[in-house]
């Protein structure tokens, strides 16, 4: 259980927003997502969610709470849609301690202190956490998108049920084991919650303080919590500077510069 606890901290830390621009005056063209669903409420959510190809939070703050332990750190995150999510954790004077890279195939963690790297495919993550999150699920969570768990693209929207709760709309998507609920309120996606059938865990993300940058309206604050019977992890990310849809390149880290580490050792003694 302790291993699972630290792995979930690592996974949730990945859930940030953003990407940096290399050519500030060049903008990429983004086509809003479309759906074949006849549900006008779902269509409304798809129209107002952030639409981007690249995004960059090159200045953000992270607050992490683990029972009686608290950590505040600076960081940066770059995303190239459908290709890579790259997070840099910089707790001391902008010095990078850990770099996390997600691609559609796998997740890599590079520990700059020990010079070890760790590799894990998403099927292994699902076995360890109980939550079948894919690269596309992570991407949707960090970018405030409407999605259905386990769907690579805009799939299964016809399986979403819609309920009205006061002034909010609740989008519900259910599989055999998981219930995913998305709250749509004040013309924005405000919350995503994922639970298992027996409610042995709750994993949710809240979005707030929406602002417009480069014609993209997105949350500046992402508040994430993972709760099970023994542990509670709270992470709050405040994006202080972000740019969208600028030309850029993301250079993936070469694992050959590191030595392969054992995931068990990493989980027993995470570097952050």
Protein backbone atom coordinates (compact mmCIF):
# COMPACT_ATOMS: atom_id res chain seq x y z
CA UNK A 1 0.00 0.00 0.00
CA UNK A 2 2.89 2.37 0.75
CA UNK A 3 4.25 1.75 -2.75
CA UNK A 4 0.89 2.55 -4.24
CA UNK A 5 0.72 5.72 -2.17
CA UNK A 6 4.02 7.08 -3.56
CA UNK A 7 3.22 6.03 -7.08
CA UNK A 8 -0.04 7.95 -6.98
CA UNK A 9 1.86 11.01 -5.78
CA UNK A 10 4.10 10.67 -8.80
CA UNK A 11 1.21 10.15 -11.19
CA UNK A 12 -0.81 13.05 -9.90
CA UNK A 13 2.24 15.33 -10.04
CA UNK A 14 2.26 14.73 -13.75
CA UNK A 15 -1.26 16.28 -13.99
CA UNK A 16 -0.24 19.91 -14.86
CA UNK A 17 -0.94 22.18 -17.81
CA UNK A 18 1.17 23.90 -20.41
CA UNK A 19 3.86 24.24 -23.06
CA UNK A 20 6.49 26.84 -24.05
CA UNK A 21 6.83 28.72 -27.33
CA UNK A 22 9.97 29.05 -29.36
CA UNK A 23 8.58 31.51 -31.93
CA UNK A 24 6.23 33.88 -30.12
CA UNK A 25 4.81 35.53 -33.22
CA UNK A 26 3.79 32.33 -34.96
CA UNK A 27 0.50 30.82 -33.95
CA UNK A 28 -0.79 27.33 -34.71
CA UNK A 29 -4.30 26.80 -36.03
CA UNK A 30 -6.56 24.77 -33.78
CA UNK A 31 -9.83 23.16 -34.86
CA UNK A 32 -12.39 22.71 -32.04
CA UNK A 33 -13.30 19.14 -31.21
CA UNK A 34 -16.50 17.78 -32.71
CA UNK A 35 -18.85 15.07 -31.54
CA UNK A 36 -21.51 12.98 -33.21
CA UNK A 37 -23.58 13.06 -30.03
CA UNK A 38 -26.99 14.66 -30.28
CA UNK A 39 -26.71 15.93 -26.72
CA UNK A 40 -26.52 19.73 -26.93
CA UNK A 41 -25.08 19.97 -23.41
CA UNK A 42 -22.10 17.81 -24.34
CA UNK A 43 -21.61 19.83 -27.49
CA UNK A 44 -21.58 23.03 -25.41
CA UNK A 45 -18.86 21.64 -23.14
CA UNK A 46 -16.74 20.61 -26.13
CA UNK A 47 -17.04 24.06 -27.67
CA UNK A 48 -15.85 25.99 -24.60
CA UNK A 49 -13.09 23.64 -23.38
CA UNK A 50 -9.49 24.74 -24.12
CA UNK A 51 -8.46 23.99 -27.70
CA UNK A 52 -4.73 23.90 -28.35
CA UNK A 53 -1.93 22.01 -30.06
CA UNK A 54 0.85 23.28 -27.81
CA UNK A 55 0.66 24.73 -24.33
CA UNK A 56 3.30 25.86 -21.85
CA UNK A 57 3.33 26.63 -18.17
CA UNK A 58 6.94 27.73 -17.88
CA UNK A 59 6.25 29.24 -14.48
CA UNK A 60 4.10 27.44 -11.92
CA UNK A 61 3.94 26.65 -8.22
CA UNK A 62 3.15 23.26 -6.69
CA UNK A 63 1.90 22.64 -3.15
CA UNK A 64 1.92 19.00 -2.08
CA UNK A 65 0.41 17.73 1.17
CA UNK A 66 1.04 14.18 2.41
CA UNK A 67 -0.47 13.59 5.83
CA UNK A 68 1.85 15.66 8.07
CA UNK A 69 4.32 16.46 5.30
CA UNK A 70 4.12 19.47 3.01
CA UNK A 71 6.26 20.49 0.04
CA UNK A 72 6.22 23.63 -2.08
CA UNK A 73 8.12 23.64 -5.35
CA UNK A 74 8.49 25.61 -8.55
CA UNK A 75 8.23 23.84 -11.86
CA UNK A 76 7.45 23.94 -15.55
CA UNK A 77 5.46 21.78 -17.94
CA UNK A 78 5.37 21.49 -21.71
CA UNK A 79 2.81 19.63 -23.78
CA UNK A 80 2.63 18.79 -27.47
CA UNK A 81 -0.87 17.50 -27.97
CA UNK A 82 -1.18 13.74 -28.54
CA UNK A 83 2.61 13.38 -28.46
CA UNK A 84 4.29 14.23 -25.16
CA UNK A 85 3.77 15.74 -21.70
CA UNK A 86 7.02 16.88 -20.08
CA UNK A 87 7.16 18.05 -16.46
CA UNK A 88 10.14 19.55 -14.67
CA UNK A 89 10.13 19.67 -10.84
CA UNK A 90 12.45 22.40 -9.55
CA UNK A 91 12.29 22.70 -5.74
CA UNK A 92 15.51 24.68 -5.23
CA UNK A 93 16.49 27.87 -7.08
CA UNK A 94 15.22 26.60 -10.42
CA UNK A 95 17.40 23.48 -10.19
CA UNK A 96 15.66 20.50 -11.75
CA UNK A 97 15.42 17.51 -9.43
CA UNK A 98 13.09 15.26 -11.44
CA UNK A 99 11.86 15.24 -15.02
CA UNK A 100 8.77 13.24 -15.96
CA UNK A 101 7.90 12.47 -19.56
CA UNK A 102 4.71 10.84 -20.80
CA UNK A 103 4.25 9.59 -24.35
CA UNK A 104 1.34 7.56 -25.73
CA UNK A 105 3.37 4.39 -25.12
CA UNK A 106 4.92 4.81 -21.67
CA UNK A 107 6.01 7.01 -18.81
CA UNK A 108 9.63 7.85 -17.98
CA UNK A 109 10.99 9.39 -14.80
CA UNK A 110 14.50 10.85 -14.78
CA UNK A 111 16.08 11.42 -11.37
CA UNK A 112 18.71 14.09 -11.89
CA UNK A 113 20.23 13.51 -8.46
CA UNK A 114 20.92 9.77 -8.68
CA UNK A 115 21.14 9.76 -12.51
CA UNK A 116 18.69 6.86 -12.61
CA UNK A 117 15.74 6.58 -14.99
CA UNK A 118 12.55 4.57 -14.56
CA UNK A 119 10.24 3.25 -17.26
CA UNK A 120 6.65 2.07 -16.87
CA UNK A 121 3.91 1.26 -19.37
CA UNK A 122 0.31 2.26 -18.67
CA UNK A 123 -0.90 -1.31 -18.14
CA UNK A 124 1.55 -1.56 -15.25
CA UNK A 125 0.33 1.75 -13.85
CA UNK A 126 -3.25 0.48 -13.97
CA UNK A 127 -2.26 -2.67 -12.09
CA UNK A 128 -0.50 -0.68 -9.39
CA UNK A 129 -3.07 2.08 -8.93
CA UNK A 130 -6.36 0.43 -9.84
CA UNK A 131 -7.13 3.38 -12.17
CA UNK A 132 -6.81 2.58 -15.91
CA UNK A 133 -5.45 5.99 -16.89
CA UNK A 134 -3.90 6.19 -20.35
CA UNK A 135 -1.75 8.95 -21.84
CA UNK A 136 -4.88 10.50 -23.37
CA UNK A 137 -6.67 10.47 -20.01
CA UNK A 138 -3.74 12.27 -18.38
CA UNK A 139 -3.69 14.77 -21.23
CA UNK A 140 -7.41 15.47 -20.89
CA UNK A 141 -7.18 15.89 -17.12
CA UNK A 142 -4.33 18.40 -17.22
CA UNK A 143 -5.89 20.38 -20.06
CA UNK A 144 -9.46 20.68 -18.72
CA UNK A 145 -11.01 18.54 -21.48
CA UNK A 146 -14.18 16.51 -21.59
CA UNK A 147 -13.22 12.84 -22.03
CA UNK A 148 -14.34 9.30 -21.34
CA UNK A 149 -11.90 7.13 -19.40
CA UNK A 150 -9.88 4.78 -21.57
CA UNK A 151 -10.88 6.39 -24.88
CA UNK A 152 -8.02 7.46 -27.13
CA UNK A 153 -9.94 10.20 -28.94
CA UNK A 154 -13.43 11.70 -28.66
CA UNK A 155 -15.04 8.29 -28.25
CA UNK A 156 -17.97 6.98 -26.24
CA UNK A 157 -19.62 10.38 -25.82
CA UNK A 158 -22.86 8.67 -26.79
CA UNK A 159 -22.51 6.63 -23.57
CA UNK A 160 -22.46 9.74 -21.36
CA UNK A 161 -25.62 10.44 -19.41
CA UNK A 162 -26.49 14.00 -18.42
CA UNK A 163 -28.16 15.08 -15.20
CA UNK A 164 -29.00 18.54 -13.92
CA UNK A 165 -27.96 19.45 -10.38
CA UNK A 166 -29.00 22.98 -9.51
CA UNK A 167 -27.27 25.28 -11.98
CA UNK A 168 -24.70 22.60 -12.85
CA UNK A 169 -24.74 19.73 -15.32
CA UNK A 170 -23.33 16.32 -14.39
CA UNK A 171 -21.89 14.18 -17.17
CA UNK A 172 -21.64 10.54 -16.06
CA UNK A 173 -19.71 7.79 -17.80
CA UNK A 174 -19.68 4.27 -16.35
CA UNK A 175 -17.73 1.13 -17.19
CA UNK A 176 -17.90 -2.23 -15.42
CA UNK A 177 -15.53 -1.04 -12.69
CA UNK A 178 -15.26 2.75 -12.82
CA UNK A 179 -17.64 5.71 -12.54
CA UNK A 180 -16.44 8.99 -14.02
CA UNK A 181 -18.36 12.19 -13.27
CA UNK A 182 -17.69 15.58 -14.87
CA UNK A 183 -19.25 18.76 -13.50
CA UNK A 184 -20.04 21.48 -16.06
CA UNK A 185 -20.96 24.81 -14.48
CA UNK A 186 -20.81 28.49 -15.45
CA UNK A 187 -19.86 27.43 -18.98
CA UNK A 188 -16.69 25.60 -17.86
CA UNK A 189 -15.63 22.10 -16.86
CA UNK A 190 -15.15 22.53 -13.10
CA UNK A 191 -14.50 19.04 -11.75
CA UNK A 192 -13.70 15.48 -12.81
CA UNK A 193 -14.11 12.63 -10.32
CA UNK A 194 -13.24 8.96 -10.80
CA UNK A 195 -14.25 6.25 -8.33
CA UNK A 196 -14.33 2.47 -8.42
CA UNK A 197 -17.49 0.44 -8.01
CA UNK A 198 -16.88 -0.20 -4.31
CA UNK A 199 -15.67 3.36 -3.65
CA UNK A 200 -12.37 2.13 -2.21
CA UNK A 201 -10.72 5.21 -3.71
CA UNK A 202 -11.64 8.66 -5.00
CA UNK A 203 -9.57 10.55 -7.51
CA UNK A 204 -10.73 14.03 -8.43
CA UNK A 205 -9.54 17.21 -10.06
CA UNK A 206 -11.02 20.68 -9.50
CA UNK A 207 -10.44 23.60 -11.87
CA UNK A 208 -10.75 27.30 -10.98
CA UNK A 209 -9.54 30.85 -11.68
CA UNK A 210 -10.10 30.68 -15.42
CA UNK A 211 -8.20 33.19 -17.54
CA UNK A 212 -7.70 33.90 -21.24
CA UNK A 213 -4.26 33.56 -22.82
CA UNK A 214 -3.63 33.51 -26.57
CA UNK A 215 -7.40 33.26 -27.12
CA UNK A 216 -7.58 30.10 -24.99
CA UNK A 217 -9.60 30.16 -21.76
CA UNK A 218 -8.12 27.71 -19.25
CA UNK A 219 -7.88 27.28 -15.46
CA UNK A 220 -4.92 28.78 -13.60
CA UNK A 221 -5.50 26.60 -10.55
CA UNK A 222 -5.71 22.81 -10.66
CA UNK A 223 -6.50 21.13 -7.34
CA UNK A 224 -6.04 17.36 -7.24
CA UNK A 225 -6.75 14.82 -4.52
CA UNK A 226 -6.38 11.07 -4.25
CA UNK A 227 -8.10 9.46 -1.28
CA UNK A 228 -8.23 5.85 -0.17
CA UNK A 229 -8.81 4.13 3.17
CA UNK A 230 -5.29 4.81 4.44
CA UNK A 231 -3.88 7.80 2.60
CA UNK A 232 -4.83 11.23 1.34
CA UNK A 233 -2.70 13.13 -1.17
CA UNK A 234 -3.44 16.77 -1.94
CA UNK A 235 -1.75 18.70 -4.72
CA UNK A 236 -2.45 22.23 -5.80
CA UNK A 237 -0.91 23.75 -8.92
CA UNK A 238 -1.00 27.46 -9.63
CA UNK A 239 -0.02 28.44 -13.15
CA UNK A 240 1.66 31.84 -13.12
CA UNK A 241 2.65 32.06 -16.77
CA UNK A 242 1.29 30.12 -19.74
CA UNK A 243 1.24 30.34 -23.54
CA UNK A 244 -0.77 28.36 -26.07
CA UNK A 245 -0.42 27.38 -29.72
CA UNK A 246 3.08 28.70 -30.31
CA UNK A 247 5.61 26.97 -32.55
CA UNK A 248 7.93 24.85 -30.42
CA UNK A 249 10.03 21.73 -30.14
CA UNK A 250 10.24 19.35 -27.20
CA UNK A 251 13.45 17.36 -26.93
CA UNK A 252 12.90 14.02 -25.24
CA UNK A 253 15.50 12.99 -22.68
CA UNK A 254 17.98 10.34 -23.81
CA UNK A 255 17.81 7.39 -21.37
CA UNK A 256 21.36 6.44 -22.38
CA UNK A 257 22.60 9.34 -20.25
CA UNK A 258 21.12 7.61 -17.19
CA UNK A 259 21.25 4.15 -15.69
CA UNK A 260 18.14 1.99 -15.53
CA UNK A 261 16.63 1.96 -12.06
CA UNK A 262 14.27 -0.43 -10.33
CA UNK A 263 10.73 0.86 -9.86
CA UNK A 264 10.51 -0.85 -6.51
CA UNK A 265 13.50 1.12 -5.22
CA UNK A 266 12.06 4.34 -6.60
CA UNK A 267 8.68 3.79 -4.96
CA UNK A 268 10.28 2.93 -1.62
CA UNK A 269 12.42 6.04 -1.66
CA UNK A 270 11.13 8.71 -4.06
CA UNK A 271 13.51 11.66 -4.60
CA UNK A 272 10.86 14.30 -3.79
